[in-house]
N, C-alpha and C. Protein backbone atom coordinates (compact mmCIF):
# COMPACT_ATOMS: atom_id res chain seq x y z
N MET A 1 -131.28 22.58 74.48
CA MET A 1 -132.60 22.43 73.88
C MET A 1 -132.52 22.45 72.36
N LYS A 2 -131.65 23.29 71.83
CA LYS A 2 -131.53 23.38 70.39
C LYS A 2 -131.08 22.05 69.79
N LYS A 3 -130.14 21.38 70.47
CA LYS A 3 -129.67 20.08 70.00
C LYS A 3 -130.82 19.07 69.98
N HIS A 4 -131.64 19.09 71.00
CA HIS A 4 -132.78 18.17 71.06
C HIS A 4 -133.74 18.40 69.89
N CYS A 5 -134.00 19.67 69.55
CA CYS A 5 -134.91 19.98 68.44
C CYS A 5 -134.36 19.46 67.12
N SER A 6 -133.06 19.62 66.91
CA SER A 6 -132.50 19.13 65.65
C SER A 6 -132.55 17.61 65.59
N THR A 7 -132.38 16.94 66.72
CA THR A 7 -132.49 15.49 66.76
C THR A 7 -133.93 15.07 66.48
N MET A 8 -134.87 15.80 67.04
CA MET A 8 -136.28 15.47 66.79
C MET A 8 -136.64 15.64 65.33
N SER A 9 -136.12 16.68 64.68
CA SER A 9 -136.46 16.89 63.28
C SER A 9 -135.93 15.75 62.42
N CYS A 10 -134.82 15.16 62.84
CA CYS A 10 -134.28 14.02 62.10
C CYS A 10 -135.19 12.80 62.24
N THR A 11 -135.82 12.66 63.38
CA THR A 11 -136.68 11.50 63.59
C THR A 11 -138.11 11.74 63.14
N LEU A 12 -138.47 12.98 62.82
CA LEU A 12 -139.84 13.26 62.39
C LEU A 12 -140.13 12.77 60.97
N ALA A 13 -139.14 12.78 60.09
CA ALA A 13 -139.39 12.39 58.70
C ALA A 13 -140.02 11.00 58.59
N PRO A 14 -139.46 9.95 59.22
CA PRO A 14 -140.12 8.64 59.10
C PRO A 14 -141.53 8.63 59.68
N VAL A 15 -141.74 9.31 60.81
CA VAL A 15 -143.06 9.38 61.42
C VAL A 15 -144.02 10.10 60.48
N THR A 16 -143.55 11.21 59.91
CA THR A 16 -144.38 11.99 59.01
C THR A 16 -144.74 11.18 57.76
N LEU A 17 -143.78 10.45 57.22
CA LEU A 17 -144.06 9.62 56.06
C LEU A 17 -145.00 8.47 56.41
N SER A 18 -144.95 8.01 57.65
CA SER A 18 -145.90 7.00 58.11
C SER A 18 -147.31 7.57 58.12
N VAL A 19 -147.44 8.82 58.56
CA VAL A 19 -148.74 9.51 58.54
C VAL A 19 -149.21 9.65 57.10
N ALA A 20 -148.29 10.01 56.22
CA ALA A 20 -148.64 10.16 54.80
C ALA A 20 -149.14 8.84 54.22
N SER A 21 -148.50 7.75 54.60
CA SER A 21 -148.92 6.43 54.13
C SER A 21 -150.33 6.11 54.62
N THR A 22 -150.61 6.43 55.88
CA THR A 22 -151.95 6.19 56.43
C THR A 22 -152.98 7.05 55.71
N LEU A 23 -152.65 8.32 55.51
CA LEU A 23 -153.57 9.21 54.78
C LEU A 23 -153.81 8.71 53.36
N SER A 24 -152.78 8.19 52.73
CA SER A 24 -152.92 7.65 51.38
C SER A 24 -153.86 6.46 51.37
N ASN A 25 -153.75 5.61 52.38
CA ASN A 25 -154.67 4.46 52.49
C ASN A 25 -156.10 4.92 52.70
N ILE A 26 -156.29 5.94 53.53
CA ILE A 26 -157.63 6.49 53.76
C ILE A 26 -158.18 7.06 52.45
N ALA A 27 -157.32 7.76 51.71
CA ALA A 27 -157.75 8.30 50.41
C ALA A 27 -158.18 7.19 49.47
N GLY A 28 -157.46 6.08 49.51
CA GLY A 28 -157.81 4.94 48.67
C GLY A 28 -159.19 4.38 49.01
N VAL A 29 -159.50 4.34 50.29
CA VAL A 29 -160.81 3.86 50.72
C VAL A 29 -161.90 4.81 50.23
N TYR A 30 -161.68 6.11 50.44
CA TYR A 30 -162.66 7.10 49.94
C TYR A 30 -162.84 6.97 48.43
N ASN A 31 -161.73 6.80 47.73
CA ASN A 31 -161.79 6.68 46.28
C ASN A 31 -162.62 5.47 45.86
N SER A 32 -162.39 4.34 46.53
CA SER A 32 -163.14 3.13 46.17
C SER A 32 -164.62 3.24 46.52
N GLN A 33 -164.96 4.15 47.45
CA GLN A 33 -166.36 4.38 47.81
C GLN A 33 -167.01 5.44 46.92
N GLY A 34 -166.23 6.02 46.01
CA GLY A 34 -166.76 7.07 45.15
C GLY A 34 -166.81 8.43 45.84
N LYS A 35 -166.17 8.57 46.97
CA LYS A 35 -166.12 9.84 47.70
C LYS A 35 -164.85 10.58 47.28
N PHE A 36 -164.90 11.12 46.07
CA PHE A 36 -163.70 11.65 45.44
C PHE A 36 -163.20 12.94 46.08
N LYS A 37 -164.10 13.78 46.58
CA LYS A 37 -163.66 15.01 47.24
C LYS A 37 -162.88 14.69 48.52
N GLU A 38 -163.37 13.72 49.29
CA GLU A 38 -162.68 13.31 50.50
C GLU A 38 -161.33 12.67 50.16
N ALA A 39 -161.32 11.86 49.10
CA ALA A 39 -160.07 11.25 48.66
C ALA A 39 -159.06 12.33 48.28
N LEU A 40 -159.53 13.34 47.55
CA LEU A 40 -158.66 14.42 47.11
C LEU A 40 -158.08 15.18 48.30
N GLU A 41 -158.91 15.46 49.29
CA GLU A 41 -158.43 16.17 50.48
C GLU A 41 -157.28 15.41 51.15
N ASN A 42 -157.44 14.11 51.29
CA ASN A 42 -156.39 13.30 51.92
C ASN A 42 -155.15 13.21 51.05
N MET A 43 -155.33 13.07 49.75
CA MET A 43 -154.18 12.99 48.85
C MET A 43 -153.39 14.30 48.83
N GLU A 44 -154.09 15.42 48.94
CA GLU A 44 -153.38 16.70 48.97
C GLU A 44 -152.56 16.83 50.25
N LYS A 45 -153.04 16.27 51.37
CA LYS A 45 -152.26 16.25 52.61
C LYS A 45 -151.03 15.36 52.44
N VAL A 46 -151.21 14.23 51.77
CA VAL A 46 -150.09 13.33 51.50
C VAL A 46 -149.04 14.06 50.68
N LEU A 47 -149.48 14.75 49.64
CA LEU A 47 -148.55 15.48 48.77
C LEU A 47 -147.77 16.53 49.56
N GLU A 48 -148.46 17.25 50.42
CA GLU A 48 -147.81 18.28 51.24
C GLU A 48 -146.71 17.67 52.12
N ILE A 49 -147.02 16.55 52.75
CA ILE A 49 -146.04 15.87 53.60
C ILE A 49 -144.86 15.38 52.77
N GLU A 50 -145.15 14.75 51.65
CA GLU A 50 -144.08 14.21 50.81
C GLU A 50 -143.18 15.31 50.26
N LEU A 51 -143.77 16.41 49.86
CA LEU A 51 -142.96 17.52 49.34
C LEU A 51 -141.99 18.02 50.41
N LYS A 52 -142.47 18.15 51.64
CA LYS A 52 -141.60 18.62 52.73
C LYS A 52 -140.55 17.58 53.11
N SER A 53 -140.93 16.31 53.09
CA SER A 53 -140.03 15.26 53.55
C SER A 53 -139.08 14.75 52.47
N LEU A 54 -139.56 14.69 51.23
CA LEU A 54 -138.79 14.03 50.17
C LEU A 54 -138.30 14.98 49.07
N GLY A 55 -138.94 16.12 48.95
CA GLY A 55 -138.58 17.05 47.89
C GLY A 55 -139.46 16.87 46.66
N PRO A 56 -139.47 17.86 45.78
CA PRO A 56 -140.42 17.88 44.66
C PRO A 56 -140.14 16.88 43.53
N SER A 57 -138.93 16.31 43.47
CA SER A 57 -138.62 15.43 42.35
C SER A 57 -138.55 13.96 42.74
N HIS A 58 -139.06 13.62 43.90
CA HIS A 58 -139.05 12.23 44.36
C HIS A 58 -140.15 11.42 43.65
N VAL A 59 -139.86 10.17 43.40
CA VAL A 59 -140.81 9.29 42.70
C VAL A 59 -142.11 9.15 43.49
N SER A 60 -142.05 9.12 44.82
CA SER A 60 -143.28 9.03 45.62
C SER A 60 -144.15 10.26 45.41
N VAL A 61 -143.53 11.41 45.27
CA VAL A 61 -144.27 12.65 44.98
C VAL A 61 -144.95 12.52 43.62
N ALA A 62 -144.23 11.97 42.66
CA ALA A 62 -144.81 11.77 41.32
C ALA A 62 -146.01 10.83 41.37
N MET A 63 -145.89 9.75 42.13
CA MET A 63 -147.00 8.79 42.23
C MET A 63 -148.22 9.44 42.88
N THR A 64 -147.99 10.27 43.89
CA THR A 64 -149.10 10.96 44.53
C THR A 64 -149.73 11.97 43.57
N ARG A 65 -148.90 12.72 42.84
CA ARG A 65 -149.44 13.66 41.85
C ARG A 65 -150.28 12.92 40.80
N GLU A 66 -149.80 11.77 40.37
CA GLU A 66 -150.54 10.98 39.39
C GLU A 66 -151.89 10.54 39.96
N ASN A 67 -151.89 10.07 41.19
CA ASN A 67 -153.14 9.64 41.84
C ASN A 67 -154.11 10.81 42.01
N ILE A 68 -153.58 11.97 42.35
CA ILE A 68 -154.42 13.17 42.45
C ILE A 68 -155.03 13.48 41.08
N GLY A 69 -154.24 13.32 40.04
CA GLY A 69 -154.75 13.52 38.68
C GLY A 69 -155.91 12.61 38.35
N TYR A 70 -155.81 11.35 38.78
CA TYR A 70 -156.90 10.41 38.51
C TYR A 70 -158.18 10.81 39.25
N VAL A 71 -158.03 11.33 40.46
CA VAL A 71 -159.21 11.78 41.20
C VAL A 71 -159.82 13.01 40.53
N TYR A 72 -158.97 13.94 40.10
CA TYR A 72 -159.51 15.09 39.36
C TYR A 72 -160.25 14.63 38.10
N GLN A 73 -159.73 13.61 37.45
CA GLN A 73 -160.41 13.08 36.27
C GLN A 73 -161.79 12.54 36.64
N LYS A 74 -161.87 11.82 37.74
CA LYS A 74 -163.16 11.29 38.18
C LYS A 74 -164.13 12.41 38.58
N LEU A 75 -163.58 13.53 39.06
CA LEU A 75 -164.41 14.68 39.41
C LEU A 75 -164.79 15.51 38.18
N GLY A 76 -164.25 15.16 37.02
CA GLY A 76 -164.58 15.87 35.80
C GLY A 76 -163.70 17.08 35.51
N ASN A 77 -162.68 17.30 36.32
CA ASN A 77 -161.76 18.42 36.09
C ASN A 77 -160.58 17.92 35.27
N LEU A 78 -160.79 17.81 33.96
CA LEU A 78 -159.80 17.20 33.09
C LEU A 78 -158.55 18.04 32.93
N ALA A 79 -158.68 19.37 32.96
CA ALA A 79 -157.50 20.23 32.84
C ALA A 79 -156.58 20.03 34.04
N GLN A 80 -157.15 19.97 35.24
CA GLN A 80 -156.34 19.76 36.43
C GLN A 80 -155.78 18.35 36.45
N ALA A 81 -156.56 17.38 36.00
CA ALA A 81 -156.08 16.00 35.92
C ALA A 81 -154.86 15.92 35.02
N ARG A 82 -154.97 16.54 33.86
CA ARG A 82 -153.87 16.52 32.90
C ARG A 82 -152.63 17.18 33.49
N SER A 83 -152.81 18.31 34.16
CA SER A 83 -151.69 19.03 34.76
C SER A 83 -150.96 18.16 35.78
N CYS A 84 -151.71 17.50 36.65
CA CYS A 84 -151.10 16.65 37.69
C CYS A 84 -150.36 15.47 37.06
N ILE A 85 -150.99 14.84 36.08
CA ILE A 85 -150.36 13.67 35.46
C ILE A 85 -149.15 14.09 34.63
N GLU A 86 -149.19 15.26 34.01
CA GLU A 86 -148.01 15.76 33.29
C GLU A 86 -146.85 15.98 34.26
N GLU A 87 -147.13 16.58 35.42
CA GLU A 87 -146.08 16.78 36.42
C GLU A 87 -145.50 15.44 36.85
N ALA A 88 -146.35 14.47 37.09
CA ALA A 88 -145.88 13.13 37.49
C ALA A 88 -145.03 12.52 36.38
N HIS A 89 -145.49 12.63 35.15
CA HIS A 89 -144.77 12.07 34.01
C HIS A 89 -143.38 12.68 33.90
N THR A 90 -143.28 13.99 34.08
CA THR A 90 -141.99 14.67 34.01
C THR A 90 -141.02 14.12 35.06
N ILE A 91 -141.51 13.93 36.28
CA ILE A 91 -140.67 13.38 37.35
C ILE A 91 -140.28 11.94 37.03
N PHE A 92 -141.21 11.15 36.54
CA PHE A 92 -140.90 9.77 36.18
C PHE A 92 -139.81 9.71 35.11
N VAL A 93 -139.94 10.53 34.08
CA VAL A 93 -138.93 10.54 33.01
C VAL A 93 -137.56 10.89 33.59
N GLN A 94 -137.52 11.94 34.41
CA GLN A 94 -136.24 12.39 34.98
C GLN A 94 -135.65 11.38 35.96
N SER A 95 -136.49 10.75 36.77
CA SER A 95 -135.99 9.86 37.82
C SER A 95 -135.85 8.41 37.38
N LEU A 96 -136.76 7.95 36.54
CA LEU A 96 -136.80 6.53 36.20
C LEU A 96 -136.45 6.24 34.74
N GLY A 97 -136.53 7.25 33.90
CA GLY A 97 -136.27 7.06 32.48
C GLY A 97 -137.55 6.83 31.70
N PRO A 98 -137.47 6.98 30.38
CA PRO A 98 -138.67 6.90 29.54
C PRO A 98 -139.25 5.49 29.38
N ASP A 99 -138.46 4.46 29.68
CA ASP A 99 -138.93 3.09 29.47
C ASP A 99 -139.46 2.41 30.72
N HIS A 100 -139.46 3.12 31.83
CA HIS A 100 -139.95 2.53 33.08
C HIS A 100 -141.47 2.37 33.02
N PRO A 101 -142.02 1.31 33.61
CA PRO A 101 -143.47 1.11 33.59
C PRO A 101 -144.28 2.29 34.15
N ASN A 102 -143.80 2.94 35.20
CA ASN A 102 -144.53 4.10 35.74
C ASN A 102 -144.57 5.24 34.73
N THR A 103 -143.47 5.45 34.03
CA THR A 103 -143.40 6.50 33.02
C THR A 103 -144.37 6.19 31.89
N LYS A 104 -144.36 4.95 31.45
CA LYS A 104 -145.24 4.55 30.35
C LYS A 104 -146.72 4.63 30.75
N LYS A 105 -147.01 4.26 32.00
CA LYS A 105 -148.40 4.34 32.47
C LYS A 105 -148.89 5.79 32.47
N ALA A 106 -148.06 6.70 32.96
CA ALA A 106 -148.44 8.12 32.96
C ALA A 106 -148.62 8.64 31.54
N ALA A 107 -147.75 8.20 30.63
CA ALA A 107 -147.87 8.61 29.22
C ALA A 107 -149.18 8.11 28.63
N ARG A 108 -149.55 6.86 28.93
CA ARG A 108 -150.83 6.32 28.44
C ARG A 108 -152.01 7.10 29.01
N SER A 109 -151.91 7.47 30.27
CA SER A 109 -152.98 8.25 30.90
C SER A 109 -153.14 9.60 30.21
N LEU A 110 -152.02 10.22 29.88
CA LEU A 110 -152.09 11.50 29.16
C LEU A 110 -152.71 11.32 27.78
N GLU A 111 -152.38 10.23 27.12
CA GLU A 111 -152.98 9.95 25.80
C GLU A 111 -154.49 9.75 25.92
N GLN A 112 -154.92 9.09 26.99
CA GLN A 112 -156.35 8.86 27.19
C GLN A 112 -157.09 10.16 27.49
N LEU A 113 -156.42 11.08 28.14
CA LEU A 113 -157.04 12.38 28.41
C LEU A 113 -157.10 13.24 27.15
N GLN A 114 -156.20 13.03 26.23
CA GLN A 114 -156.12 13.84 25.01
C GLN A 114 -157.43 13.88 24.23
N PRO A 115 -158.04 12.74 23.89
CA PRO A 115 -159.27 12.81 23.09
C PRO A 115 -160.41 13.54 23.78
N ARG A 116 -160.45 13.44 25.10
CA ARG A 116 -161.54 14.10 25.81
C ARG A 116 -161.34 15.60 25.85
N TRP A 117 -160.11 16.03 25.94
CA TRP A 117 -159.86 17.46 26.10
C TRP A 117 -159.63 18.16 24.77
N GLU A 118 -158.89 17.51 23.87
CA GLU A 118 -158.58 18.10 22.57
C GLU A 118 -158.84 17.05 21.50
N PRO A 119 -160.09 16.81 21.15
CA PRO A 119 -160.42 15.69 20.27
C PRO A 119 -159.82 15.79 18.89
N ASP A 120 -159.62 17.00 18.39
CA ASP A 120 -159.09 17.14 17.05
C ASP A 120 -157.60 17.43 17.07
N GLY A 121 -156.99 17.43 18.25
CA GLY A 121 -155.58 17.74 18.37
C GLY A 121 -155.29 19.21 18.11
N MET A 122 -156.32 20.01 17.94
CA MET A 122 -156.15 21.43 17.62
C MET A 122 -156.62 22.32 18.77
N GLY A 123 -156.86 21.74 19.93
CA GLY A 123 -157.27 22.54 21.07
C GLY A 123 -158.73 22.95 21.02
N GLY A 124 -159.57 22.13 20.40
CA GLY A 124 -160.98 22.48 20.28
C GLY A 124 -161.72 22.53 21.60
N GLY A 125 -161.18 21.90 22.61
CA GLY A 125 -161.79 21.95 23.93
C GLY A 125 -162.95 21.00 24.10
N PRO A 126 -163.55 21.00 25.28
CA PRO A 126 -164.60 20.04 25.59
C PRO A 126 -165.84 20.21 24.74
N MET A 127 -166.21 21.42 24.35
CA MET A 127 -167.41 21.61 23.53
C MET A 127 -167.22 20.95 22.16
N ALA A 128 -166.03 21.04 21.62
CA ALA A 128 -165.77 20.39 20.33
C ALA A 128 -165.92 18.88 20.47
N TRP A 129 -165.48 18.34 21.59
CA TRP A 129 -165.61 16.91 21.82
C TRP A 129 -167.08 16.54 21.91
N VAL A 130 -167.88 17.32 22.65
CA VAL A 130 -169.31 17.05 22.80
C VAL A 130 -169.98 17.08 21.43
N LEU A 131 -169.65 18.08 20.63
CA LEU A 131 -170.25 18.18 19.30
C LEU A 131 -169.82 17.04 18.39
N GLU A 132 -168.59 16.61 18.53
CA GLU A 132 -168.12 15.46 17.76
C GLU A 132 -168.93 14.22 18.12
N GLN A 133 -169.17 14.02 19.42
CA GLN A 133 -169.96 12.86 19.86
C GLN A 133 -171.41 12.98 19.37
N TRP A 134 -171.95 14.19 19.43
CA TRP A 134 -173.31 14.44 18.95
C TRP A 134 -173.42 14.06 17.46
N ASN A 135 -172.45 14.51 16.68
CA ASN A 135 -172.47 14.23 15.24
C ASN A 135 -172.36 12.74 14.97
N ARG A 136 -171.55 12.03 15.74
CA ARG A 136 -171.46 10.57 15.58
C ARG A 136 -172.79 9.92 15.87
N LEU A 137 -173.45 10.38 16.94
CA LEU A 137 -174.75 9.84 17.30
C LEU A 137 -175.77 10.16 16.21
N ALA A 138 -175.74 11.38 15.71
CA ALA A 138 -176.67 11.78 14.65
C ALA A 138 -176.46 10.94 13.40
N ASP A 139 -175.20 10.68 13.05
CA ASP A 139 -174.91 9.84 11.89
C ASP A 139 -175.43 8.42 12.08
N ALA A 140 -175.29 7.92 13.31
CA ALA A 140 -175.73 6.56 13.59
C ALA A 140 -177.25 6.43 13.60
N LEU A 141 -177.95 7.45 14.10
CA LEU A 141 -179.40 7.36 14.25
C LEU A 141 -180.18 8.13 13.21
N GLY A 142 -179.51 8.93 12.42
CA GLY A 142 -180.20 9.77 11.45
C GLY A 142 -180.35 11.17 12.01
N SER A 143 -180.62 12.13 11.15
CA SER A 143 -180.69 13.53 11.58
C SER A 143 -181.95 13.80 12.38
N GLY A 144 -181.94 14.91 13.10
CA GLY A 144 -183.10 15.34 13.86
C GLY A 144 -183.32 14.55 15.13
N ILE A 145 -182.27 14.23 15.85
CA ILE A 145 -182.40 13.47 17.09
C ILE A 145 -183.24 14.27 18.07
N GLY A 146 -184.35 13.71 18.46
CA GLY A 146 -185.19 14.34 19.46
C GLY A 146 -185.65 15.74 19.05
N GLY A 147 -185.64 16.05 17.78
CA GLY A 147 -186.07 17.36 17.32
C GLY A 147 -185.07 18.47 17.62
N VAL A 148 -183.86 18.12 18.02
CA VAL A 148 -182.85 19.14 18.33
C VAL A 148 -181.79 19.14 17.25
N ASP A 149 -181.52 20.30 16.71
CA ASP A 149 -180.50 20.47 15.69
C ASP A 149 -179.20 20.89 16.39
N PRO A 150 -178.10 20.11 16.30
CA PRO A 150 -176.89 20.49 17.01
C PRO A 150 -176.35 21.86 16.58
N ALA A 151 -176.58 22.26 15.35
CA ALA A 151 -176.14 23.59 14.92
C ALA A 151 -176.89 24.67 15.69
N GLY A 152 -178.14 24.39 16.07
CA GLY A 152 -178.91 25.34 16.85
C GLY A 152 -178.34 25.53 18.25
N LEU A 153 -177.67 24.51 18.76
CA LEU A 153 -177.03 24.61 20.07
C LEU A 153 -175.85 25.57 20.03
N CYS A 154 -175.34 25.84 18.84
CA CYS A 154 -174.17 26.70 18.70
C CYS A 154 -174.56 28.09 18.23
N GLY A 155 -175.77 28.47 18.42
CA GLY A 155 -176.20 29.79 18.01
C GLY A 155 -176.82 29.83 16.64
N GLY A 156 -177.01 28.67 16.03
CA GLY A 156 -177.73 28.61 14.77
C GLY A 156 -176.89 28.79 13.53
N SER A 157 -175.78 29.47 13.59
CA SER A 157 -175.02 29.73 12.37
C SER A 157 -174.25 28.52 11.92
N GLY A 158 -173.73 27.75 12.89
CA GLY A 158 -172.95 26.58 12.52
C GLY A 158 -171.60 26.93 11.94
N HIS A 159 -171.19 28.19 12.05
CA HIS A 159 -169.93 28.60 11.44
C HIS A 159 -168.87 28.97 12.46
N SER A 160 -169.11 28.76 13.74
CA SER A 160 -168.09 29.09 14.72
C SER A 160 -167.00 28.03 14.72
N ARG A 161 -165.90 28.32 15.34
CA ARG A 161 -164.77 27.41 15.36
C ARG A 161 -165.14 26.05 15.96
N SER A 162 -165.98 26.05 16.99
CA SER A 162 -166.32 24.83 17.69
C SER A 162 -167.51 24.10 17.09
N CYS A 163 -168.23 24.73 16.19
CA CYS A 163 -169.45 24.13 15.69
C CYS A 163 -169.28 23.66 14.25
N PRO A 164 -169.93 22.55 13.93
CA PRO A 164 -169.91 22.09 12.54
C PRO A 164 -170.79 23.00 11.69
N PRO A 165 -170.49 23.08 10.39
CA PRO A 165 -171.35 23.89 9.52
C PRO A 165 -172.75 23.30 9.46
N ALA A 166 -173.73 24.18 9.39
CA ALA A 166 -175.12 23.74 9.28
C ALA A 166 -175.33 23.14 7.91
N GLU A 167 -176.11 22.04 7.87
CA GLU A 167 -176.38 21.40 6.57
C GLU A 167 -177.67 21.86 5.99
């Protein structure tokens, strides 16, 4: 019986990866329908299967991590998106090299996430980005947009790290 089990485990990997491929396709359908939570659930199952079958440094694992990152981005969880895409990028660099198209695509994705998460490159966070956008809008339309002073949104002082000085 023990010999049979070891033979079965050898034949399970292709079957399991076939299941992962099907789950990935289902995730793609959910993603295209805007059902991002359902897509994420299926992608996480795919990742679990790939990690067990292929190991943590396989290119397929990196591609799944990258796709999970894109779904997190669509769900608005930019920190988790960045983390997943960084992990994918690391695997791509190690497995494929820095000049491979997959590596470059992940690098571009990380660059695109940068302005949203750290607009000033100093770790200002999402509130700094929101305030930066507010100030651009105020400059374009003139001060006093809708009677709301952006400095008032920051507690009125305008002197905190994330807030512009009050004028």
